[in-house]
Each structure stands twice: as C-alpha cells, then as structure tokens.
Amino acid sequence: MIDGFGKIKLTKPNFLFFKETFHPGWKLSLAKDGQIFEPKEHLLANLYGNAWYIDEMGDYSFKIEFEPQKYVNIGLLLTILSVMLIPIGMLVFRKINKYEKSN
C-alpha cells in the first residue's frame, strides 16, 4: 500500500477522494496553521474508494496512511531479526557445548 503526502487548497468545504480500495484502516491527517487534526468521517466513495469531508476552507498539508501496515512492518522486522539471531544462537550454543565437553 502506498502512503501519500501532499497539499490541497479548498475555497469551499469539499471532499478529498483517495482512489485506493476502501478500508477503515486508511487514516487522513490534515495540517493547517500548525495544527494537526483528522476529519471526523471516513466514507466509501464511488463504491470502492475512500473519501473524507473537509468542512473548512484553507490551505492544508495532508498525510494518508494505511494503519494496518504498521503491524506488517513489525512482523517483517521480527522475522528478519529471528532469521539473523537463530544462526548466531546456534553458533554460541555449539561453542558452549564444545567448551563444556573439553572440561
């Protein structure tokens, strides 16, 4: 999934559409005048996409994230660490066994 960053300028209250398959895990953060906030409603748009209603005019910076991706990233990190640490642990275990057998 692709996370997005960008800027928008609204001259009237309007919808921000995101053409990625709808999932409640998509989160939109808006920044305006140094304040960060999330729109209240996350809606299904065009029978497949995501939309958020932004009710105030102005210039915004936005960030769209897929929250469940954080759990996937943690799982990948743990898998990589396990793949690296298991062989190291086995080498240490062999060294300890050789040392104990020699004494």
C-alpha atoms as a PDB file:
ATOM      1  CA  MET A   1       0.000   0.000   0.000  1.00  0.00           C
ATOM      2  CA  ILE A   2       1.182   3.475  -0.789  1.00  0.00           C
ATOM      3  CA  ASP A   3       1.064   6.207   1.810  1.00  0.00           C
ATOM      4  CA  GLY A   4       0.565   9.708   0.480  1.00  0.00           C
ATOM      5  CA  PHE A   5       1.632  13.222   1.295  1.00  0.00           C
ATOM      6  CA  GLY A   6       0.531  16.416  -0.360  1.00  0.00           C
ATOM      7  CA  LYS A   7      -1.041  19.829  -0.223  1.00  0.00           C
ATOM      8  CA  ILE A   8      -4.546  20.982  -1.084  1.00  0.00           C
ATOM      9  CA  LYS A   9      -6.269  24.340  -1.205  1.00  0.00           C
ATOM     10  CA  LEU A  10     -10.005  24.461  -0.517  1.00  0.00           C
ATOM     11  CA  THR A  11     -12.061  27.503  -1.466  1.00  0.00           C
ATOM     12  CA  LYS A  12     -15.199  25.885  -0.008  1.00  0.00           C
ATOM     13  CA  PRO A  13     -15.983  22.815   2.093  1.00  0.00           C
ATOM     14  CA  ASN A  14     -15.383  19.754  -0.046  1.00  0.00           C
ATOM     15  CA  PHE A  15     -14.461  16.068  -0.229  1.00  0.00           C
ATOM     16  CA  LEU A  16     -10.963  14.672  -0.540  1.00  0.00           C
ATOM     17  CA  PHE A  17     -11.083  11.469  -2.601  1.00  0.00           C
ATOM     18  CA  PHE A  18      -8.435   8.777  -2.443  1.00  0.00           C
ATOM     19  CA  LYS A  19      -8.654   6.183  -5.221  1.00  0.00           C
ATOM     20  CA  GLU A  20      -7.430   3.195  -3.247  1.00  0.00           C
ATOM     21  CA  THR A  21      -9.688   0.311  -2.221  1.00  0.00           C
ATOM     22  CA  PHE A  22     -11.791   1.336   0.765  1.00  0.00           C
ATOM     23  CA  HIS A  23     -10.624   0.081   4.132  1.00  0.00           C
ATOM     24  CA  PRO A  24     -11.304   1.637   7.546  1.00  0.00           C
ATOM     25  CA  GLY A  25      -7.562   1.418   8.233  1.00  0.00           C
ATOM     26  CA  TRP A  26      -6.822   4.376   5.951  1.00  0.00           C
ATOM     27  CA  LYS A  27      -6.193   7.463   8.101  1.00  0.00           C
ATOM     28  CA  LEU A  28      -6.068  11.052   6.877  1.00  0.00           C
ATOM     29  CA  SER A  29      -4.193  13.706   8.860  1.00  0.00           C
ATOM     30  CA  LEU A  30      -4.533  17.362   7.934  1.00  0.00           C
ATOM     31  CA  ALA A  31      -2.279  20.221   8.974  1.00  0.00           C
ATOM     32  CA  LYS A  32      -3.444  23.829   8.843  1.00  0.00           C
ATOM     33  CA  ASP A  33      -1.824  26.784  10.582  1.00  0.00           C
ATOM     34  CA  GLY A  34       0.440  24.466  12.580  1.00  0.00           C
ATOM     35  CA  GLN A  35      -2.443  22.381  13.938  1.00  0.00           C
ATOM     36  CA  ILE A  36      -2.862  18.715  13.008  1.00  0.00           C
ATOM     37  CA  PHE A  37      -6.266  17.063  13.007  1.00  0.00           C
ATOM     38  CA  GLU A  38      -8.215  14.196  11.440  1.00  0.00           C
ATOM     39  CA  PRO A  39     -11.543  14.647   9.652  1.00  0.00           C
ATOM     40  CA  LYS A  40     -14.470  13.123  11.552  1.00  0.00           C
ATOM     41  CA  GLU A  41     -15.903  10.973   8.776  1.00  0.00           C
ATOM     42  CA  HIS A  42     -14.176   8.449   6.535  1.00  0.00           C
ATOM     43  CA  LEU A  43     -16.586   7.466   3.761  1.00  0.00           C
ATOM     44  CA  LEU A  44     -16.891   4.912   0.968  1.00  0.00           C
ATOM     45  CA  ALA A  45     -16.630   6.778  -2.357  1.00  0.00           C
ATOM     46  CA  ASN A  46     -17.600   5.608  -5.850  1.00  0.00           C
ATOM     47  CA  LEU A  47     -18.376   2.129  -4.453  1.00  0.00           C
ATOM     48  CA  TYR A  48     -14.695   1.307  -3.885  1.00  0.00           C
ATOM     49  CA  GLY A  49     -12.572   4.282  -2.768  1.00  0.00           C
ATOM     50  CA  ASN A  50     -12.054   6.489   0.245  1.00  0.00           C
ATOM     51  CA  ALA A  51     -13.369   9.997   0.870  1.00  0.00           C
ATOM     52  CA  TRP A  52     -13.164  12.461   3.710  1.00  0.00           C
ATOM     53  CA  TYR A  53     -15.298  15.574   4.069  1.00  0.00           C
ATOM     54  CA  ILE A  54     -13.312  18.679   4.958  1.00  0.00           C
ATOM     55  CA  ASP A  55     -15.646  21.375   6.206  1.00  0.00           C
ATOM     56  CA  GLU A  56     -13.266  24.345   6.455  1.00  0.00           C
ATOM     57  CA  MET A  57     -11.663  26.384   3.688  1.00  0.00           C
ATOM     58  CA  GLY A  58      -7.927  26.937   3.559  1.00  0.00           C
ATOM     59  CA  ASP A  59      -4.539  25.589   2.613  1.00  0.00           C
ATOM     60  CA  TYR A  60      -3.790  22.148   4.027  1.00  0.00           C
ATOM     61  CA  SER A  61      -0.934  19.720   4.094  1.00  0.00           C
ATOM     62  CA  PHE A  62      -2.154  16.155   4.286  1.00  0.00           C
ATOM     63  CA  LYS A  63      -0.870  12.695   5.016  1.00  0.00           C
ATOM     64  CA  ILE A  64      -2.684   9.449   4.210  1.00  0.00           C
ATOM     65  CA  GLU A  65      -1.506   6.288   5.967  1.00  0.00           C
ATOM     66  CA  PHE A  66      -2.650   2.683   5.997  1.00  0.00           C
ATOM     67  CA  GLU A  67      -2.579   1.934   9.737  1.00  0.00           C
ATOM     68  CA  PRO A  68      -2.521  -1.915   9.455  1.00  0.00           C
ATOM     69  CA  GLN A  69       0.749  -1.637   7.513  1.00  0.00           C
ATOM     70  CA  LYS A  70       2.475  -0.802  10.800  1.00  0.00           C
ATOM     71  CA  TYR A  71       1.707  -4.321  12.066  1.00  0.00           C
ATOM     72  CA  VAL A  72       3.046  -5.862   8.864  1.00  0.00           C
ATOM     73  CA  ASN A  73       6.259  -3.859   9.253  1.00  0.00           C
ATOM     74  CA  ILE A  74       6.672  -5.032  12.859  1.00  0.00           C
ATOM     75  CA  GLY A  75       6.146  -8.636  11.747  1.00  0.00           C
ATOM     76  CA  LEU A  76       8.750  -8.281   8.997  1.00  0.00           C
ATOM     77  CA  LEU A  77      11.236  -6.768  11.415  1.00  0.00           C
ATOM     78  CA  LEU A  78      10.722  -9.606  13.915  1.00  0.00           C
ATOM     79  CA  THR A  79      11.105 -12.176  11.132  1.00  0.00           C
ATOM     80  CA  ILE A  80      14.364 -10.625   9.921  1.00  0.00           C
ATOM     81  CA  LEU A  81      15.718 -10.459  13.475  1.00  0.00           C
ATOM     82  CA  SER A  82      14.777 -14.096  14.062  1.00  0.00           C
ATOM     83  CA  VAL A  83      16.446 -15.227  10.853  1.00  0.00           C
ATOM     84  CA  MET A  84      19.604 -13.393  11.899  1.00  0.00           C
ATOM     85  CA  LEU A  85      19.610 -14.341  15.592  1.00  0.00           C
ATOM     86  CA  ILE A  86      18.804 -18.064  15.321  1.00  0.00           C
ATOM     87  CA  PRO A  87      22.051 -18.963  13.482  1.00  0.00           C
ATOM     88  CA  ILE A  88      24.045 -16.771  15.883  1.00  0.00           C
ATOM     89  CA  GLY A  89      22.374 -18.518  18.817  1.00  0.00           C
ATOM     90  CA  MET A  90      23.174 -21.912  17.333  1.00  0.00           C
ATOM     91  CA  LEU A  91      26.850 -20.969  16.931  1.00  0.00           C
ATOM     92  CA  VAL A  92      27.020 -19.765  20.527  1.00  0.00           C
ATOM     93  CA  PHE A  93      25.310 -22.958  21.725  1.00  0.00           C
ATOM     94  CA  ARG A  94      27.855 -25.103  19.806  1.00  0.00           C
ATOM     95  CA  LYS A  95      30.761 -23.156  21.291  1.00  0.00           C
ATOM     96  CA  ILE A  96      29.362 -23.612  24.805  1.00  0.00           C
ATOM     97  CA  ASN A  97      28.877 -27.358  24.207  1.00  0.00           C
ATOM     98  CA  LYS A  98      32.444 -27.752  22.883  1.00  0.00           C
ATOM     99  CA  TYR A  99      33.787 -25.841  25.870  1.00  0.00           C
ATOM    100  CA  GLU A 100      31.812 -27.985  28.354  1.00  0.00           C
ATOM    101  CA  LYS A 101      32.902 -31.233  26.675  1.00  0.00           C
ATOM    102  CA  SER A 102      36.560 -30.210  26.748  1.00  0.00           C
ATOM    103  CA  ASN A 103      36.402 -29.560  30.530  1.00  0.00           C
END
